[in-house]
Structures are given as structure tokens and as C-alpha cells.
All heavy atoms as atom14 arrays in JSON, in Angstrom:
{
  "sequence": "NISMGTSGHALQNYTIHAITDHIIDVRNNLLGL",
  "atom14_mask": [
    [1, 1, 1, 1, 1, 1, 1, 1, 0, 0, 0, 0, 0, 0],
    [1, 1, 1, 1, 1, 1, 1, 1, 0, 0, 0, 0, 0, 0],
    [1, 1, 1, 1, 1, 1, 0, 0, 0, 0, 0, 0, 0, 0],
    [1, 1, 1, 1, 1, 1, 1, 1, 0, 0, 0, 0, 0, 0],
    [1, 1, 1, 1, 0, 0, 0, 0, 0, 0, 0, 0, 0, 0],
    [1, 1, 1, 1, 1, 1, 1, 0, 0, 0, 0, 0, 0, 0],
    [1, 1, 1, 1, 1, 1, 0, 0, 0, 0, 0, 0, 0, 0],
    [1, 1, 1, 1, 0, 0, 0, 0, 0, 0, 0, 0, 0, 0],
    [1, 1, 1, 1, 1, 1, 1, 1, 1, 1, 0, 0, 0, 0],
    [1, 1, 1, 1, 1, 0, 0, 0, 0, 0, 0, 0, 0, 0],
    [1, 1, 1, 1, 1, 1, 1, 1, 0, 0, 0, 0, 0, 0],
    [1, 1, 1, 1, 1, 1, 1, 1, 1, 0, 0, 0, 0, 0],
    [1, 1, 1, 1, 1, 1, 1, 1, 0, 0, 0, 0, 0, 0],
    [1, 1, 1, 1, 1, 1, 1, 1, 1, 1, 1, 1, 0, 0],
    [1, 1, 1, 1, 1, 1, 1, 0, 0, 0, 0, 0, 0, 0],
    [1, 1, 1, 1, 1, 1, 1, 1, 0, 0, 0, 0, 0, 0],
    [1, 1, 1, 1, 1, 1, 1, 1, 1, 1, 0, 0, 0, 0],
    [1, 1, 1, 1, 1, 0, 0, 0, 0, 0, 0, 0, 0, 0],
    [1, 1, 1, 1, 1, 1, 1, 1, 0, 0, 0, 0, 0, 0],
    [1, 1, 1, 1, 1, 1, 1, 0, 0, 0, 0, 0, 0, 0],
    [1, 1, 1, 1, 1, 1, 1, 1, 0, 0, 0, 0, 0, 0],
    [1, 1, 1, 1, 1, 1, 1, 1, 1, 1, 0, 0, 0, 0],
    [1, 1, 1, 1, 1, 1, 1, 1, 0, 0, 0, 0, 0, 0],
    [1, 1, 1, 1, 1, 1, 1, 1, 0, 0, 0, 0, 0, 0],
    [1, 1, 1, 1, 1, 1, 1, 1, 0, 0, 0, 0, 0, 0],
    [1, 1, 1, 1, 1, 1, 1, 0, 0, 0, 0, 0, 0, 0],
    [1, 1, 1, 1, 1, 1, 1, 1, 1, 1, 1, 0, 0, 0],
    [1, 1, 1, 1, 1, 1, 1, 1, 0, 0, 0, 0, 0, 0],
    [1, 1, 1, 1, 1, 1, 1, 1, 0, 0, 0, 0, 0, 0],
    [1, 1, 1, 1, 1, 1, 1, 1, 0, 0, 0, 0, 0, 0],
    [1, 1, 1, 1, 1, 1, 1, 1, 0, 0, 0, 0, 0, 0],
    [1, 1, 1, 1, 0, 0, 0, 0, 0, 0, 0, 0, 0, 0],
    [1, 1, 1, 1, 1, 1, 1, 1, 0, 0, 0, 0, 0, 0]
  ],
  "atom14_positions": [
    [[-138.76, -89.96, 121.56], [-138.57, -89.54, 122.94], [-137.36, -90.23, 123.52], [-137.2, -91.44, 123.4], [-139.8, -89.88, 123.79], [-141.05, -89.17, 123.3], [-140.99, -87.99, 122.96], [-142.17, -89.89, 123.26], [0.0, 0.0, 0.0], [0.0, 0.0, 0.0], [0.0, 0.0, 0.0], [0.0, 0.0, 0.0], [0.0, 0.0, 0.0], [0.0, 0.0, 0.0]],
    [[-136.49, -89.47, 124.18], [-135.28, -90.03, 124.76], [-135.61, -90.76, 126.05], [-136.29, -90.24, 126.93], [-134.25, -88.9, 125.04], [-133.78, -88.29, 123.72], [-133.07, -89.42, 125.83], [-132.84, -87.12, 123.89], [0.0, 0.0, 0.0], [0.0, 0.0, 0.0], [0.0, 0.0, 0.0], [0.0, 0.0, 0.0], [0.0, 0.0, 0.0], [0.0, 0.0, 0.0]],
    [[-135.15, -92.01, 126.17], [-135.38, -92.82, 127.39], [-134.05, -93.46, 127.78], [-133.84, -94.65, 127.61], [-136.44, -93.9, 127.13], [-136.08, -94.69, 126.02], [0.0, 0.0, 0.0], [0.0, 0.0, 0.0], [0.0, 0.0, 0.0], [0.0, 0.0, 0.0], [0.0, 0.0, 0.0], [0.0, 0.0, 0.0], [0.0, 0.0, 0.0], [0.0, 0.0, 0.0]],
    [[-133.14, -92.65, 128.27], [-131.76, -93.06, 128.5], [-131.64, -94.14, 129.56], [-132.15, -93.99, 130.67], [-130.93, -91.84, 128.91], [-129.47, -91.96, 128.61], [-129.14, -91.48, 126.92], [-129.32, -89.71, 127.05], [0.0, 0.0, 0.0], [0.0, 0.0, 0.0], [0.0, 0.0, 0.0], [0.0, 0.0, 0.0], [0.0, 0.0, 0.0], [0.0, 0.0, 0.0]],
    [[-130.97, -95.25, 129.23], [-130.57, -96.22, 130.24], [-131.55, -97.33, 130.53], [-131.17, -98.33, 131.13], [0.0, 0.0, 0.0], [0.0, 0.0, 0.0], [0.0, 0.0, 0.0], [0.0, 0.0, 0.0], [0.0, 0.0, 0.0], [0.0, 0.0, 0.0], [0.0, 0.0, 0.0], [0.0, 0.0, 0.0], [0.0, 0.0, 0.0], [0.0, 0.0, 0.0]],
    [[-132.82, -97.2, 130.14], [-133.8, -98.22, 130.52], [-133.53, -99.55, 129.83], [-133.76, -100.6, 130.41], [-135.23, -97.74, 130.19], [-135.28, -97.4, 128.8], [-135.59, -96.51, 131.02], [0.0, 0.0, 0.0], [0.0, 0.0, 0.0], [0.0, 0.0, 0.0], [0.0, 0.0, 0.0], [0.0, 0.0, 0.0], [0.0, 0.0, 0.0], [0.0, 0.0, 0.0]],
    [[-133.06, -99.52, 128.6], [-132.79, -100.76, 127.87], [-131.67, -101.55, 128.52], [-131.72, -102.78, 128.6], [-132.44, -100.45, 126.41], [-133.53, -99.87, 125.74], [0.0, 0.0, 0.0], [0.0, 0.0, 0.0], [0.0, 0.0, 0.0], [0.0, 0.0, 0.0], [0.0, 0.0, 0.0], [0.0, 0.0, 0.0], [0.0, 0.0, 0.0], [0.0, 0.0, 0.0]],
    [[-130.64, -100.86, 128.99], [-129.55, -101.54, 129.67], [-130.01, -102.26, 130.91], [-129.6, -103.41, 131.17], [0.0, 0.0, 0.0], [0.0, 0.0, 0.0], [0.0, 0.0, 0.0], [0.0, 0.0, 0.0], [0.0, 0.0, 0.0], [0.0, 0.0, 0.0], [0.0, 0.0, 0.0], [0.0, 0.0, 0.0], [0.0, 0.0, 0.0], [0.0, 0.0, 0.0]],
    [[-130.9, -101.63, 131.69], [-131.42, -102.28, 132.89], [-132.25, -103.51, 132.53], [-132.21, -104.53, 133.23], [-132.27, -101.29, 133.7], [-131.49, -100.15, 134.28], [-130.33, -100.34, 135.01], [-131.69, -98.82, 134.23], [-129.86, -99.18, 135.39], [-130.65, -98.23, 134.92], [0.0, 0.0, 0.0], [0.0, 0.0, 0.0], [0.0, 0.0, 0.0], [0.0, 0.0, 0.0]],
    [[-133.0, -103.43, 131.44], [-133.81, -104.58, 131.02], [-132.93, -105.77, 130.67], [-133.25, -106.92, 130.99], [-134.69, -104.2, 129.83], [0.0, 0.0, 0.0], [0.0, 0.0, 0.0], [0.0, 0.0, 0.0], [0.0, 0.0, 0.0], [0.0, 0.0, 0.0], [0.0, 0.0, 0.0], [0.0, 0.0, 0.0], [0.0, 0.0, 0.0], [0.0, 0.0, 0.0]],
    [[-131.79, -105.52, 130.01], [-130.91, -106.6, 129.6], [-130.18, -107.25, 130.77], [-129.79, -108.41, 130.7], [-129.89, -106.08, 128.58], [-130.44, -105.79, 127.19], [-129.43, -105.02, 126.37], [-130.82, -107.09, 126.48], [0.0, 0.0, 0.0], [0.0, 0.0, 0.0], [0.0, 0.0, 0.0], [0.0, 0.0, 0.0], [0.0, 0.0, 0.0], [0.0, 0.0, 0.0]],
    [[-129.98, -106.5, 131.85], [-129.31, -107.07, 133.02], [-130.1, -108.24, 133.61], [-129.52, -109.18, 134.15], [-129.14, -106.0, 134.1], [-128.11, -104.94, 133.78], [-128.05, -103.88, 134.86], [-128.59, -104.05, 135.95], [-127.4, -102.77, 134.57], [0.0, 0.0, 0.0], [0.0, 0.0, 0.0], [0.0, 0.0, 0.0], [0.0, 0.0, 0.0], [0.0, 0.0, 0.0]],
    [[-131.42, -108.2, 133.49], [-132.29, -109.19, 134.13], [-133.14, -109.92, 133.1], [-134.32, -110.17, 133.32], [-133.19, -108.49, 135.16], [-132.41, -107.72, 136.19], [-131.71, -108.29, 137.01], [-132.51, -106.39, 136.15], [0.0, 0.0, 0.0], [0.0, 0.0, 0.0], [0.0, 0.0, 0.0], [0.0, 0.0, 0.0], [0.0, 0.0, 0.0], [0.0, 0.0, 0.0]],
    [[-132.51, -110.28, 132.0], [-133.27, -110.85, 130.88], [-133.24, -112.38, 130.86], [-133.73, -113.0, 129.92], [-132.71, -110.29, 129.56], [-133.66, -110.44, 128.4], [-134.87, -109.76, 128.37], [-133.35, -111.29, 127.34], [-135.74, -109.91, 127.3], [-134.22, -111.44, 126.27], [-135.42, -110.75, 126.26], [-136.28, -110.9, 125.21], [0.0, 0.0, 0.0], [0.0, 0.0, 0.0]],
    [[-132.7, -113.02, 131.88], [-132.47, -114.47, 131.84], [-133.74, -115.24, 131.5], [-133.78, -116.0, 130.51], [-131.92, -114.95, 133.19], [-130.73, -114.23, 133.5], [-131.62, -116.44, 133.15], [0.0, 0.0, 0.0], [0.0, 0.0, 0.0], [0.0, 0.0, 0.0], [0.0, 0.0, 0.0], [0.0, 0.0, 0.0], [0.0, 0.0, 0.0], [0.0, 0.0, 0.0]],
    [[-134.76, -115.11, 132.31], [-135.98, -115.9, 132.1], [-136.64, -115.54, 130.78], [-137.16, -116.4, 130.06], [-136.96, -115.72, 133.28], [-136.4, -116.4, 134.54], [-138.33, -116.28, 132.94], [-137.31, -116.36, 135.74], [0.0, 0.0, 0.0], [0.0, 0.0, 0.0], [0.0, 0.0, 0.0], [0.0, 0.0, 0.0], [0.0, 0.0, 0.0], [0.0, 0.0, 0.0]],
    [[-136.57, -114.27, 130.39], [-137.18, -113.85, 129.12], [-136.45, -114.47, 127.93], [-137.07, -114.87, 126.95], [-137.16, -112.33, 129.02], [-137.89, -111.64, 130.14], [-139.25, -111.59, 130.22], [-137.41, -111.0, 131.23], [-139.61, -110.94, 131.31], [-138.51, -110.57, 131.94], [0.0, 0.0, 0.0], [0.0, 0.0, 0.0], [0.0, 0.0, 0.0], [0.0, 0.0, 0.0]],
    [[-135.1, -114.55, 128.02], [-134.33, -115.15, 126.92], [-134.69, -116.63, 126.76], [-134.85, -117.12, 125.63], [-132.83, -115.0, 127.19], [0.0, 0.0, 0.0], [0.0, 0.0, 0.0], [0.0, 0.0, 0.0], [0.0, 0.0, 0.0], [0.0, 0.0, 0.0], [0.0, 0.0, 0.0], [0.0, 0.0, 0.0], [0.0, 0.0, 0.0], [0.0, 0.0, 0.0]],
    [[-134.79, -117.34, 127.88], [-135.17, -118.76, 127.84], [-136.59, -118.91, 127.31], [-136.88, -119.77, 126.47], [-135.02, -119.39, 129.23], [-133.56, -119.32, 129.68], [-135.52, -120.83, 129.24], [-133.36, -119.64, 131.16], [0.0, 0.0, 0.0], [0.0, 0.0, 0.0], [0.0, 0.0, 0.0], [0.0, 0.0, 0.0], [0.0, 0.0, 0.0], [0.0, 0.0, 0.0]],
    [[-137.48, -118.05, 127.8], [-138.88, -118.09, 127.35], [-138.98, -117.84, 125.84], [-139.71, -118.55, 125.14], [-139.7, -117.03, 128.1], [-139.68, -117.31, 129.5], [-141.14, -117.01, 127.62], [0.0, 0.0, 0.0], [0.0, 0.0, 0.0], [0.0, 0.0, 0.0], [0.0, 0.0, 0.0], [0.0, 0.0, 0.0], [0.0, 0.0, 0.0], [0.0, 0.0, 0.0]],
    [[-138.25, -116.85, 125.35], [-138.3, -116.53, 123.91], [-137.91, -117.74, 123.07], [-138.55, -118.04, 122.05], [-137.35, -115.37, 123.6], [-137.87, -114.04, 124.11], [-139.05, -113.99, 124.54], [-137.1, -113.06, 124.12], [0.0, 0.0, 0.0], [0.0, 0.0, 0.0], [0.0, 0.0, 0.0], [0.0, 0.0, 0.0], [0.0, 0.0, 0.0], [0.0, 0.0, 0.0]],
    [[-136.85, -118.44, 123.49], [-136.41, -119.6, 122.7], [-137.45, -120.72, 122.77], [-137.77, -121.34, 121.75], [-135.07, -120.12, 123.2], [-134.64, -121.38, 122.52], [-134.36, -121.44, 121.17], [-134.5, -122.66, 122.99], [-134.05, -122.67, 120.84], [-134.13, -123.43, 121.92], [0.0, 0.0, 0.0], [0.0, 0.0, 0.0], [0.0, 0.0, 0.0], [0.0, 0.0, 0.0]],
    [[-137.97, -120.99, 123.95], [-138.96, -122.06, 124.09], [-140.19, -121.76, 123.23], [-140.72, -122.65, 122.54], [-139.35, -122.24, 125.57], [-138.18, -122.82, 126.36], [-140.57, -123.16, 125.7], [-138.42, -122.91, 127.86], [0.0, 0.0, 0.0], [0.0, 0.0, 0.0], [0.0, 0.0, 0.0], [0.0, 0.0, 0.0], [0.0, 0.0, 0.0], [0.0, 0.0, 0.0]],
    [[-140.65, -120.53, 123.25], [-141.82, -120.16, 122.45], [-141.53, -120.34, 120.96], [-142.37, -120.87, 120.22], [-142.23, -118.7, 122.76], [-142.82, -118.62, 124.18], [-143.24, -118.19, 121.73], [-143.12, -117.21, 124.65], [0.0, 0.0, 0.0], [0.0, 0.0, 0.0], [0.0, 0.0, 0.0], [0.0, 0.0, 0.0], [0.0, 0.0, 0.0], [0.0, 0.0, 0.0]],
    [[-140.34, -119.93, 120.51], [-139.99, -120.09, 119.1], [-140.02, -121.56, 118.69], [-140.57, -121.92, 117.63], [-138.59, -119.52, 118.84], [-138.56, -118.01, 118.86], [-139.64, -117.39, 118.85], [-137.45, -117.43, 118.91], [0.0, 0.0, 0.0], [0.0, 0.0, 0.0], [0.0, 0.0, 0.0], [0.0, 0.0, 0.0], [0.0, 0.0, 0.0], [0.0, 0.0, 0.0]],
    [[-139.41, -122.42, 119.51], [-139.36, -123.85, 119.18], [-140.75, -124.45, 119.18], [-141.13, -125.21, 118.26], [-138.44, -124.59, 120.17], [-138.54, -126.11, 119.97], [-136.99, -124.14, 120.01], [0.0, 0.0, 0.0], [0.0, 0.0, 0.0], [0.0, 0.0, 0.0], [0.0, 0.0, 0.0], [0.0, 0.0, 0.0], [0.0, 0.0, 0.0], [0.0, 0.0, 0.0]],
    [[-141.54, -124.13, 120.19], [-142.89, -124.73, 120.3], [-143.81, -124.2, 119.19], [-144.67, -124.93, 118.71], [-143.46, -124.45, 121.68], [-142.84, -125.34, 122.75], [-143.22, -124.92, 124.17], [-144.62, -124.63, 124.32], [-145.58, -125.55, 124.44], [-145.27, -126.85, 124.45], [-146.85, -125.19, 124.56], [0.0, 0.0, 0.0], [0.0, 0.0, 0.0], [0.0, 0.0, 0.0]],
    [[-143.61, -122.96, 118.79], [-144.41, -122.44, 117.66], [-144.1, -123.21, 116.38], [-145.0, -123.48, 115.57], [-144.14, -120.96, 117.46], [-144.83, -120.09, 118.5], [-145.71, -120.57, 119.23], [-144.44, -118.84, 118.59], [0.0, 0.0, 0.0], [0.0, 0.0, 0.0], [0.0, 0.0, 0.0], [0.0, 0.0, 0.0], [0.0, 0.0, 0.0], [0.0, 0.0, 0.0]],
    [[-142.84, -123.55, 116.18], [-142.46, -124.32, 115.0], [-143.03, -125.73, 115.05], [-143.39, -126.3, 114.01], [-140.94, -124.39, 114.88], [-140.33, -123.08, 114.45], [-140.98, -122.26, 113.8], [-139.08, -122.84, 114.84], [0.0, 0.0, 0.0], [0.0, 0.0, 0.0], [0.0, 0.0, 0.0], [0.0, 0.0, 0.0], [0.0, 0.0, 0.0], [0.0, 0.0, 0.0]],
    [[-143.11, -126.31, 116.25], [-143.6, -127.68, 116.38], [-145.12, -127.78, 116.41], [-145.69, -128.72, 115.86], [-143.03, -128.3, 117.67], [-141.52, -128.55, 117.72], [-141.1, -128.99, 119.13], [-141.12, -129.62, 116.71], [0.0, 0.0, 0.0], [0.0, 0.0, 0.0], [0.0, 0.0, 0.0], [0.0, 0.0, 0.0], [0.0, 0.0, 0.0], [0.0, 0.0, 0.0]],
    [[-145.76, -126.81, 117.06], [-147.19, -126.91, 117.32], [-148.03, -125.87, 116.61], [-149.26, -125.95, 116.61], [-147.46, -126.81, 118.84], [-146.79, -127.85, 119.73], [-147.03, -127.52, 121.19], [-147.31, -129.24, 119.41], [0.0, 0.0, 0.0], [0.0, 0.0, 0.0], [0.0, 0.0, 0.0], [0.0, 0.0, 0.0], [0.0, 0.0, 0.0], [0.0, 0.0, 0.0]],
    [[-147.39, -124.86, 116.02], [-148.14, -123.76, 115.44], [-148.3, -122.63, 116.44], [-147.98, -122.74, 117.62], [0.0, 0.0, 0.0], [0.0, 0.0, 0.0], [0.0, 0.0, 0.0], [0.0, 0.0, 0.0], [0.0, 0.0, 0.0], [0.0, 0.0, 0.0], [0.0, 0.0, 0.0], [0.0, 0.0, 0.0], [0.0, 0.0, 0.0], [0.0, 0.0, 0.0]],
    [[-148.82, -121.52, 115.95], [-148.91, -120.31, 116.77], [-150.04, -120.33, 117.79], [-150.16, -119.43, 118.62], [-149.08, -119.08, 115.86], [-147.92, -118.81, 114.9], [-148.28, -117.63, 113.99], [-146.64, -118.5, 115.66], [0.0, 0.0, 0.0], [0.0, 0.0, 0.0], [0.0, 0.0, 0.0], [0.0, 0.0, 0.0], [0.0, 0.0, 0.0], [0.0, 0.0, 0.0]]
  ]
}
């Protein structure tokens, strides 16, 4: 299904999600899933 443009809007406001993704990756490596 075509969903034109929605991904671009998501990336414009991805700041907190990008930081969250990295923190989760690091903590999963240190503490487990």
C-alpha cells in the first residue's frame, strides 16, 4: 500500500527516538533484554 510522505515527517521529529534507541541498545548489552 502506498503511504507517500509519512516516513519523511517521522524523521523530522525523530530526536528523542534516536536517543532512546541508542540508550536501549547500550543498556540491553549491559543488562540483558
